[in-house]
Amino acid sequence: STPFGLLSASLNVSRLTADAAPRNVLYFELQRTLSELNGLFTHFQDYVQVVDDVLTDEQHHTFLVRWNLFQFKLDQASRYLSFADFNHSMAFVFSAQHDVTALHELIHTAGRRLEHTLRCEPPPAAMSFGDYVGWSVVASPVFVIVGSIVWQWRRSKG
């Protein structure tokens, strides 16, 4: 029942087994491409910016063209993979990797224009005389009430 070894009923490998090797290589390359793409849209999160806000109009147009090409190439790779045409599918995946690299370069070029700014906020003001008076007006009745409750409790105990 096994396709390999001395107990095999046939010398040929099944199509499913033969397709597994190139399919796994293709999935590996596709996963590597998508993992490179993963951080592209969160690249400017430290700057509290999104990609659209950082790109100039020309860069935005180039980004959209590259992005659309990337999506087309992934669709074509998926299409050829469904036909078990691994060579064409791998060519589209490698071409999509080229587009991801170009998108990263475009994002890094746009990111060179950003700068960190440091804003110093004024320190909290020290408590003024009015603050002390306000707190004493609020705290005095509380202390009187708590003190009388404790005094009555001690008196009832003993």
N, C-alpha and C. Protein backbone atom coordinates (compact mmCIF):
# COMPACT_ATOMS: atom_id res chain seq x y z
N SER A 1 0.81 -1.20 0.00
CA SER A 1 0.00 0.00 0.00
C SER A 1 0.86 1.26 0.00
N THR A 2 2.15 1.13 0.15
CA THR A 2 3.04 2.29 0.14
C THR A 2 3.65 2.46 -1.24
N PRO A 3 3.84 3.70 -1.71
CA PRO A 3 4.38 3.88 -3.05
C PRO A 3 5.90 3.72 -3.12
N PHE A 4 6.56 3.48 -2.00
CA PHE A 4 8.02 3.41 -1.98
C PHE A 4 8.48 2.05 -1.48
N GLY A 5 9.69 1.71 -1.80
CA GLY A 5 10.35 0.54 -1.23
C GLY A 5 10.01 -0.77 -1.91
N LEU A 6 10.40 -1.86 -1.25
CA LEU A 6 10.25 -3.19 -1.82
C LEU A 6 8.81 -3.65 -1.89
N LEU A 7 7.95 -3.09 -1.03
CA LEU A 7 6.56 -3.54 -0.98
C LEU A 7 5.66 -2.78 -1.95
N SER A 8 6.24 -1.94 -2.78
CA SER A 8 5.44 -1.13 -3.70
C SER A 8 4.87 -2.00 -4.80
N ALA A 9 3.65 -1.72 -5.18
CA ALA A 9 3.00 -2.46 -6.25
C ALA A 9 3.42 -1.95 -7.62
N SER A 10 4.01 -0.76 -7.66
CA SER A 10 4.35 -0.17 -8.95
C SER A 10 5.69 0.54 -8.83
N LEU A 11 6.33 0.76 -9.97
CA LEU A 11 7.59 1.50 -9.97
C LEU A 11 7.36 3.00 -10.14
N ASN A 12 6.16 3.38 -10.48
CA ASN A 12 5.85 4.80 -10.69
C ASN A 12 5.37 5.45 -9.40
N VAL A 13 5.70 6.73 -9.25
CA VAL A 13 5.24 7.51 -8.11
C VAL A 13 3.91 8.16 -8.50
N SER A 14 3.00 8.22 -7.58
CA SER A 14 1.70 8.82 -7.90
C SER A 14 1.87 10.30 -8.21
N ARG A 15 0.94 10.85 -8.96
CA ARG A 15 1.00 12.26 -9.34
C ARG A 15 0.93 13.17 -8.11
N LEU A 16 0.15 12.77 -7.14
CA LEU A 16 0.03 13.55 -5.91
C LEU A 16 1.37 13.64 -5.18
N THR A 17 2.08 12.54 -5.12
CA THR A 17 3.38 12.52 -4.47
C THR A 17 4.41 13.29 -5.29
N ALA A 18 4.35 13.16 -6.60
CA ALA A 18 5.31 13.85 -7.46
C ALA A 18 5.09 15.36 -7.44
N ASP A 19 3.85 15.80 -7.27
CA ASP A 19 3.55 17.24 -7.25
C ASP A 19 3.84 17.89 -5.90
N ALA A 20 4.00 17.08 -4.86
CA ALA A 20 4.18 17.62 -3.52
C ALA A 20 5.47 18.44 -3.40
N ALA A 21 6.56 17.98 -4.00
CA ALA A 21 7.84 18.68 -3.86
C ALA A 21 7.80 20.07 -4.49
N PRO A 22 7.42 20.22 -5.76
CA PRO A 22 7.40 21.58 -6.32
C PRO A 22 6.32 22.47 -5.68
N ARG A 23 5.22 21.86 -5.23
CA ARG A 23 4.17 22.64 -4.59
C ARG A 23 4.67 23.22 -3.26
N ASN A 24 5.41 22.43 -2.49
CA ASN A 24 5.94 22.91 -1.22
C ASN A 24 6.98 24.00 -1.43
N VAL A 25 7.81 23.89 -2.45
CA VAL A 25 8.78 24.94 -2.76
C VAL A 25 8.04 26.22 -3.13
N LEU A 26 7.00 26.08 -3.91
CA LEU A 26 6.20 27.24 -4.30
C LEU A 26 5.53 27.89 -3.09
N TYR A 27 4.97 27.08 -2.21
CA TYR A 27 4.34 27.63 -1.00
C TYR A 27 5.36 28.32 -0.11
N PHE A 28 6.58 27.77 -0.03
CA PHE A 28 7.63 28.41 0.76
C PHE A 28 7.97 29.78 0.20
N GLU A 29 8.16 29.88 -1.10
CA GLU A 29 8.50 31.17 -1.72
C GLU A 29 7.35 32.16 -1.57
N LEU A 30 6.14 31.69 -1.69
CA LEU A 30 4.98 32.55 -1.53
C LEU A 30 4.87 33.05 -0.09
N GLN A 31 5.12 32.17 0.87
CA GLN A 31 5.08 32.58 2.27
C GLN A 31 6.17 33.59 2.57
N ARG A 32 7.35 33.41 2.00
CA ARG A 32 8.45 34.35 2.20
C ARG A 32 8.10 35.72 1.61
N THR A 33 7.47 35.72 0.46
CA THR A 33 7.06 36.98 -0.18
C THR A 33 6.02 37.70 0.68
N LEU A 34 5.04 36.98 1.16
CA LEU A 34 3.99 37.60 1.97
C LEU A 34 4.50 38.06 3.33
N SER A 35 5.46 37.36 3.89
CA SER A 35 6.02 37.80 5.17
C SER A 35 6.85 39.07 4.99
N GLU A 36 7.51 39.24 3.83
CA GLU A 36 8.21 40.49 3.54
C GLU A 36 7.21 41.64 3.41
N LEU A 37 6.06 41.34 2.89
CA LEU A 37 5.03 42.35 2.69
C LEU A 37 4.31 42.70 3.98
N ASN A 38 4.40 41.86 4.98
CA ASN A 38 3.63 42.00 6.21
C ASN A 38 3.82 43.35 6.90
N GLY A 39 5.05 43.79 7.03
CA GLY A 39 5.31 45.02 7.76
C GLY A 39 5.23 46.28 6.94
N LEU A 40 4.84 46.17 5.69
CA LEU A 40 4.85 47.32 4.79
C LEU A 40 3.88 48.41 5.24
N PHE A 41 2.70 48.04 5.67
CA PHE A 41 1.69 49.05 5.99
C PHE A 41 1.79 49.56 7.43
N THR A 42 2.54 48.87 8.26
CA THR A 42 2.74 49.36 9.63
C THR A 42 4.11 50.00 9.79
N HIS A 43 4.77 50.28 8.68
CA HIS A 43 6.14 50.80 8.72
C HIS A 43 6.23 52.16 9.42
N PHE A 44 5.23 53.00 9.27
CA PHE A 44 5.28 54.35 9.82
C PHE A 44 4.44 54.48 11.09
N GLN A 45 4.18 53.37 11.74
CA GLN A 45 3.36 53.40 12.95
C GLN A 45 4.05 54.18 14.07
N ASP A 46 5.37 54.14 14.13
CA ASP A 46 6.10 54.90 15.15
C ASP A 46 5.94 56.40 14.95
N TYR A 47 5.69 56.81 13.72
CA TYR A 47 5.53 58.23 13.39
C TYR A 47 4.07 58.67 13.46
N VAL A 48 3.18 57.79 13.81
CA VAL A 48 1.74 58.03 13.83
C VAL A 48 1.30 58.52 12.44
N GLN A 49 1.75 57.80 11.44
CA GLN A 49 1.44 58.10 10.04
C GLN A 49 1.00 56.81 9.36
N VAL A 50 0.24 56.96 8.29
CA VAL A 50 -0.07 55.83 7.43
C VAL A 50 0.65 56.03 6.12
N VAL A 51 0.73 54.99 5.33
CA VAL A 51 1.51 55.03 4.10
C VAL A 51 0.99 56.12 3.16
N ASP A 52 -0.32 56.27 3.06
CA ASP A 52 -0.90 57.26 2.14
C ASP A 52 -0.49 58.69 2.50
N ASP A 53 -0.31 58.97 3.79
CA ASP A 53 0.05 60.32 4.22
C ASP A 53 1.52 60.64 3.95
N VAL A 54 2.36 59.63 3.85
CA VAL A 54 3.79 59.85 3.72
C VAL A 54 4.21 59.99 2.25
N LEU A 55 3.52 59.29 1.36
CA LEU A 55 3.91 59.29 -0.05
C LEU A 55 3.50 60.58 -0.74
N THR A 56 4.35 61.04 -1.66
CA THR A 56 3.97 62.15 -2.51
C THR A 56 2.99 61.64 -3.56
N ASP A 57 2.45 62.54 -4.37
CA ASP A 57 1.49 62.11 -5.40
C ASP A 57 2.13 61.17 -6.40
N GLU A 58 3.34 61.48 -6.82
CA GLU A 58 4.03 60.62 -7.79
C GLU A 58 4.36 59.26 -7.17
N GLN A 59 4.83 59.28 -5.93
CA GLN A 59 5.13 58.02 -5.25
C GLN A 59 3.86 57.21 -5.00
N HIS A 60 2.78 57.90 -4.71
CA HIS A 60 1.51 57.21 -4.48
C HIS A 60 1.04 56.51 -5.75
N HIS A 61 1.19 57.17 -6.87
CA HIS A 61 0.82 56.55 -8.16
C HIS A 61 1.69 55.33 -8.43
N THR A 62 3.00 55.47 -8.22
CA THR A 62 3.91 54.35 -8.42
C THR A 62 3.58 53.20 -7.48
N PHE A 63 3.24 53.53 -6.23
CA PHE A 63 2.88 52.52 -5.25
C PHE A 63 1.63 51.76 -5.72
N LEU A 64 0.62 52.48 -6.18
CA LEU A 64 -0.61 51.82 -6.63
C LEU A 64 -0.37 50.93 -7.84
N VAL A 65 0.47 51.38 -8.76
CA VAL A 65 0.79 50.56 -9.94
C VAL A 65 1.48 49.27 -9.51
N ARG A 66 2.49 49.40 -8.63
CA ARG A 66 3.21 48.23 -8.15
C ARG A 66 2.29 47.29 -7.37
N TRP A 67 1.41 47.88 -6.54
CA TRP A 67 0.49 47.07 -5.74
C TRP A 67 -0.46 46.29 -6.64
N ASN A 68 -1.00 46.95 -7.66
CA ASN A 68 -1.91 46.27 -8.59
C ASN A 68 -1.18 45.16 -9.36
N LEU A 69 0.07 45.42 -9.76
CA LEU A 69 0.85 44.38 -10.42
C LEU A 69 1.09 43.20 -9.49
N PHE A 70 1.39 43.50 -8.24
CA PHE A 70 1.60 42.44 -7.25
C PHE A 70 0.35 41.57 -7.12
N GLN A 71 -0.82 42.20 -7.01
CA GLN A 71 -2.06 41.43 -6.89
C GLN A 71 -2.33 40.60 -8.15
N PHE A 72 -2.06 41.18 -9.31
CA PHE A 72 -2.26 40.44 -10.56
C PHE A 72 -1.35 39.21 -10.60
N LYS A 73 -0.09 39.39 -10.20
CA LYS A 73 0.86 38.27 -10.25
C LYS A 73 0.49 37.17 -9.26
N LEU A 74 -0.03 37.57 -8.09
CA LEU A 74 -0.49 36.54 -7.16
C LEU A 74 -1.70 35.78 -7.70
N ASP A 75 -2.60 36.51 -8.37
CA ASP A 75 -3.76 35.84 -8.99
C ASP A 75 -3.31 34.87 -10.07
N GLN A 76 -2.34 35.29 -10.88
CA GLN A 76 -1.85 34.42 -11.95
C GLN A 76 -1.12 33.20 -11.37
N ALA A 77 -0.34 33.42 -10.31
CA ALA A 77 0.35 32.29 -9.67
C ALA A 77 -0.67 31.29 -9.13
N SER A 78 -1.74 31.80 -8.53
CA SER A 78 -2.79 30.92 -8.02
C SER A 78 -3.48 30.18 -9.16
N ARG A 79 -3.71 30.88 -10.24
CA ARG A 79 -4.37 30.26 -11.40
C ARG A 79 -3.53 29.12 -11.97
N TYR A 80 -2.23 29.39 -12.18
CA TYR A 80 -1.36 28.35 -12.74
C TYR A 80 -1.14 27.21 -11.74
N LEU A 81 -1.17 27.51 -10.44
CA LEU A 81 -1.04 26.46 -9.44
C LEU A 81 -2.25 25.54 -9.48
N SER A 82 -3.43 26.10 -9.74
CA SER A 82 -4.62 25.25 -9.83
C SER A 82 -4.56 24.32 -11.04
N PHE A 83 -3.79 24.69 -12.07
CA PHE A 83 -3.59 23.83 -13.23
C PHE A 83 -2.40 22.90 -13.05
N ALA A 84 -1.73 22.96 -11.90
CA ALA A 84 -0.52 22.19 -11.61
C ALA A 84 0.62 22.55 -12.55
N ASP A 85 0.64 23.80 -13.01
CA ASP A 85 1.74 24.30 -13.84
C ASP A 85 2.69 25.07 -12.91
N PHE A 86 3.59 24.32 -12.31
CA PHE A 86 4.44 24.88 -11.26
C PHE A 86 5.48 25.85 -11.80
N ASN A 87 5.94 25.65 -13.02
CA ASN A 87 6.97 26.53 -13.58
C ASN A 87 6.42 27.95 -13.79
N HIS A 88 5.25 28.05 -14.41
CA HIS A 88 4.66 29.38 -14.61
C HIS A 88 4.26 30.02 -13.27
N SER A 89 3.73 29.21 -12.39
CA SER A 89 3.34 29.74 -11.09
C SER A 89 4.54 30.26 -10.33
N MET A 90 5.66 29.54 -10.36
CA MET A 90 6.87 29.98 -9.68
C MET A 90 7.42 31.26 -10.31
N ALA A 91 7.30 31.39 -11.61
CA ALA A 91 7.76 32.61 -12.28
C ALA A 91 6.95 33.82 -11.79
N PHE A 92 5.66 33.65 -11.64
CA PHE A 92 4.83 34.76 -11.14
C PHE A 92 5.14 35.08 -9.67
N VAL A 93 5.43 34.07 -8.87
CA VAL A 93 5.78 34.32 -7.47
C VAL A 93 7.11 35.07 -7.39
N PHE A 94 8.11 34.66 -8.18
CA PHE A 94 9.39 35.39 -8.17
C PHE A 94 9.22 36.82 -8.67
N SER A 95 8.37 37.01 -9.65
CA SER A 95 8.11 38.35 -10.14
C SER A 95 7.39 39.20 -9.08
N ALA A 96 6.50 38.56 -8.32
CA ALA A 96 5.82 39.26 -7.23
C ALA A 96 6.82 39.65 -6.14
N GLN A 97 7.84 38.82 -5.90
CA GLN A 97 8.89 39.17 -4.94
C GLN A 97 9.61 40.44 -5.38
N HIS A 98 9.82 40.57 -6.67
CA HIS A 98 10.46 41.78 -7.20
C HIS A 98 9.59 43.01 -6.91
N ASP A 99 8.28 42.87 -7.05
CA ASP A 99 7.38 43.99 -6.76
C ASP A 99 7.37 44.35 -5.28
N VAL A 100 7.45 43.35 -4.41
CA VAL A 100 7.50 43.64 -2.97
C VAL A 100 8.78 44.38 -2.63
N THR A 101 9.88 43.99 -3.24
CA THR A 101 11.15 44.69 -3.01
C THR A 101 11.05 46.14 -3.49
N ALA A 102 10.42 46.36 -4.64
CA ALA A 102 10.25 47.72 -5.15
C ALA A 102 9.33 48.54 -4.24
N LEU A 103 8.29 47.92 -3.68
CA LEU A 103 7.40 48.62 -2.74
C LEU A 103 8.16 49.01 -1.47
N HIS A 104 9.00 48.12 -0.98
CA HIS A 104 9.79 48.44 0.20
C HIS A 104 10.75 49.60 -0.07
N GLU A 105 11.39 49.58 -1.21
CA GLU A 105 12.30 50.68 -1.56
C GLU A 105 11.55 51.99 -1.66
N LEU A 106 10.36 51.96 -2.21
CA LEU A 106 9.54 53.16 -2.33
C LEU A 106 9.15 53.69 -0.95
N ILE A 107 8.77 52.80 -0.05
CA ILE A 107 8.40 53.19 1.30
C ILE A 107 9.60 53.77 2.05
N HIS A 108 10.75 53.14 1.91
CA HIS A 108 11.95 53.64 2.59
C HIS A 108 12.38 55.00 2.03
N THR A 109 12.22 55.19 0.73
CA THR A 109 12.53 56.50 0.14
C THR A 109 11.60 57.57 0.70
N ALA A 110 10.33 57.25 0.82
CA ALA A 110 9.37 58.21 1.37
C ALA A 110 9.64 58.46 2.85
N GLY A 111 10.13 57.45 3.55
CA GLY A 111 10.39 57.58 4.97
C GLY A 111 11.58 58.46 5.29
N ARG A 112 12.45 58.69 4.34
CA ARG A 112 13.61 59.55 4.60
C ARG A 112 13.22 60.99 4.84
N ARG A 113 12.02 61.36 4.40
CA ARG A 113 11.57 62.74 4.60
C ARG A 113 11.01 62.96 6.01
N LEU A 114 10.72 61.90 6.72
CA LEU A 114 10.14 62.04 8.05
C LEU A 114 11.22 62.33 9.08
N GLU A 115 10.85 63.07 10.08
CA GLU A 115 11.76 63.38 11.18
C GLU A 115 11.03 63.19 12.49
N HIS A 116 11.79 62.78 13.48
CA HIS A 116 11.22 62.72 14.83
C HIS A 116 11.24 64.11 15.42
N THR A 117 10.20 64.46 16.10
CA THR A 117 10.17 65.73 16.83
C THR A 117 9.89 65.41 18.29
N LEU A 118 10.52 66.20 19.13
CA LEU A 118 10.35 66.01 20.56
C LEU A 118 9.63 67.22 21.11
N ARG A 119 8.48 66.98 21.70
CA ARG A 119 7.71 68.07 22.29
C ARG A 119 7.80 67.96 23.80
N CYS A 120 8.20 69.06 24.39
CA CYS A 120 8.27 69.10 25.85
C CYS A 120 7.02 69.79 26.37
N GLU A 121 6.31 69.11 27.22
CA GLU A 121 5.15 69.72 27.82
C GLU A 121 5.58 70.35 29.13
N PRO A 122 4.95 71.45 29.50
CA PRO A 122 5.35 72.10 30.74
C PRO A 122 5.08 71.19 31.93
N PRO A 123 5.94 71.26 32.94
CA PRO A 123 5.71 70.40 34.11
C PRO A 123 4.45 70.84 34.84
N PRO A 124 3.86 69.94 35.57
CA PRO A 124 2.66 70.33 36.32
C PRO A 124 3.03 71.40 37.34
N ALA A 125 2.16 72.35 37.49
CA ALA A 125 2.42 73.45 38.40
C ALA A 125 2.40 72.96 39.84
N ALA A 126 3.24 73.59 40.66
CA ALA A 126 3.26 73.24 42.08
C ALA A 126 1.95 73.70 42.70
N MET A 127 1.60 73.09 43.81
CA MET A 127 0.34 73.45 44.45
C MET A 127 0.44 74.86 45.03
N SER A 128 -0.54 75.65 44.74
CA SER A 128 -0.56 77.02 45.25
C SER A 128 -1.26 77.06 46.61
N PHE A 129 -1.28 78.21 47.22
CA PHE A 129 -1.93 78.38 48.52
C PHE A 129 -3.42 78.05 48.42
N GLY A 130 -4.04 78.43 47.29
CA GLY A 130 -5.46 78.16 47.09
C GLY A 130 -5.74 76.66 47.02
N ASP A 131 -4.80 75.89 46.43
CA ASP A 131 -4.97 74.45 46.39
C ASP A 131 -4.94 73.85 47.79
N TYR A 132 -3.99 74.32 48.63
CA TYR A 132 -3.92 73.83 50.00
C TYR A 132 -5.20 74.14 50.78
N VAL A 133 -5.72 75.35 50.59
CA VAL A 133 -6.95 75.74 51.27
C VAL A 133 -8.11 74.87 50.79
N GLY A 134 -8.19 74.64 49.48
CA GLY A 134 -9.27 73.81 48.93
C GLY A 134 -9.22 72.40 49.47
N TRP A 135 -8.03 71.80 49.52
CA TRP A 135 -7.90 70.44 50.05
C TRP A 135 -8.22 70.40 51.54
N SER A 136 -7.83 71.42 52.26
CA SER A 136 -8.13 71.41 53.70
C SER A 136 -9.62 71.55 53.95
N VAL A 137 -10.32 72.31 53.12
CA VAL A 137 -11.77 72.46 53.27
C VAL A 137 -12.46 71.12 52.98
N VAL A 138 -11.96 70.38 51.99
CA VAL A 138 -12.55 69.09 51.65
C VAL A 138 -12.18 68.04 52.69
N ALA A 139 -10.94 68.05 53.15
CA ALA A 139 -10.46 66.98 54.04
C ALA A 139 -10.93 67.15 55.49
N SER A 140 -11.12 68.36 55.97
CA SER A 140 -11.48 68.58 57.37
C SER A 140 -12.77 67.87 57.77
N PRO A 141 -13.87 68.04 57.03
CA PRO A 141 -15.10 67.33 57.44
C PRO A 141 -14.93 65.82 57.40
N VAL A 142 -14.14 65.31 56.47
CA VAL A 142 -13.93 63.87 56.40
C VAL A 142 -13.22 63.39 57.65
N PHE A 143 -12.17 64.10 58.05
CA PHE A 143 -11.45 63.72 59.27
C PHE A 143 -12.35 63.80 60.51
N VAL A 144 -13.20 64.82 60.58
CA VAL A 144 -14.11 64.96 61.72
C VAL A 144 -15.10 63.81 61.77
N ILE A 145 -15.69 63.45 60.64
CA ILE A 145 -16.67 62.36 60.60
C ILE A 145 -16.02 61.03 60.94
N VAL A 146 -14.87 60.74 60.33
CA VAL A 146 -14.18 59.47 60.61
C VAL A 146 -13.75 59.42 62.07
N GLY A 147 -13.24 60.55 62.59
CA GLY A 147 -12.82 60.58 63.99
C GLY A 147 -13.99 60.33 64.95
N SER A 148 -15.14 60.92 64.67
CA SER A 148 -16.29 60.71 65.56
C SER A 148 -16.79 59.28 65.48
N ILE A 149 -16.74 58.66 64.33
CA ILE A 149 -17.17 57.25 64.21
C ILE A 149 -16.22 56.35 64.98
N VAL A 150 -14.92 56.59 64.86
CA VAL A 150 -13.95 55.79 65.60
C VAL A 150 -14.12 56.01 67.10
N TRP A 151 -14.33 57.23 67.54
CA TRP A 151 -14.49 57.55 68.96
C TRP A 151 -15.73 56.84 69.53
N GLN A 152 -16.86 56.88 68.75
CA GLN A 152 -18.07 56.21 69.22
C GLN A 152 -17.88 54.70 69.25
N TRP A 153 -17.17 54.13 68.34
CA TRP A 153 -16.93 52.69 68.32
C TRP A 153 -16.08 52.28 69.51
N ARG A 154 -15.04 53.05 69.83
CA ARG A 154 -14.20 52.73 70.99
C ARG A 154 -14.99 52.88 72.30
N ARG A 155 -15.85 53.89 72.36
CA ARG A 155 -16.64 54.13 73.55
C ARG A 155 -17.63 52.99 73.80
N SER A 156 -18.20 52.45 72.68
CA SER A 156 -19.16 51.35 72.83
C SER A 156 -18.46 50.05 73.20
N LYS A 157 -17.20 49.90 72.87
CA LYS A 157 -16.45 48.68 73.17
C LYS A 157 -16.05 48.65 74.64
N GLY A 158 -15.80 49.80 75.17
CA GLY A 158 -15.36 49.61 76.46
C GLY A 158 -15.30 50.63 77.43
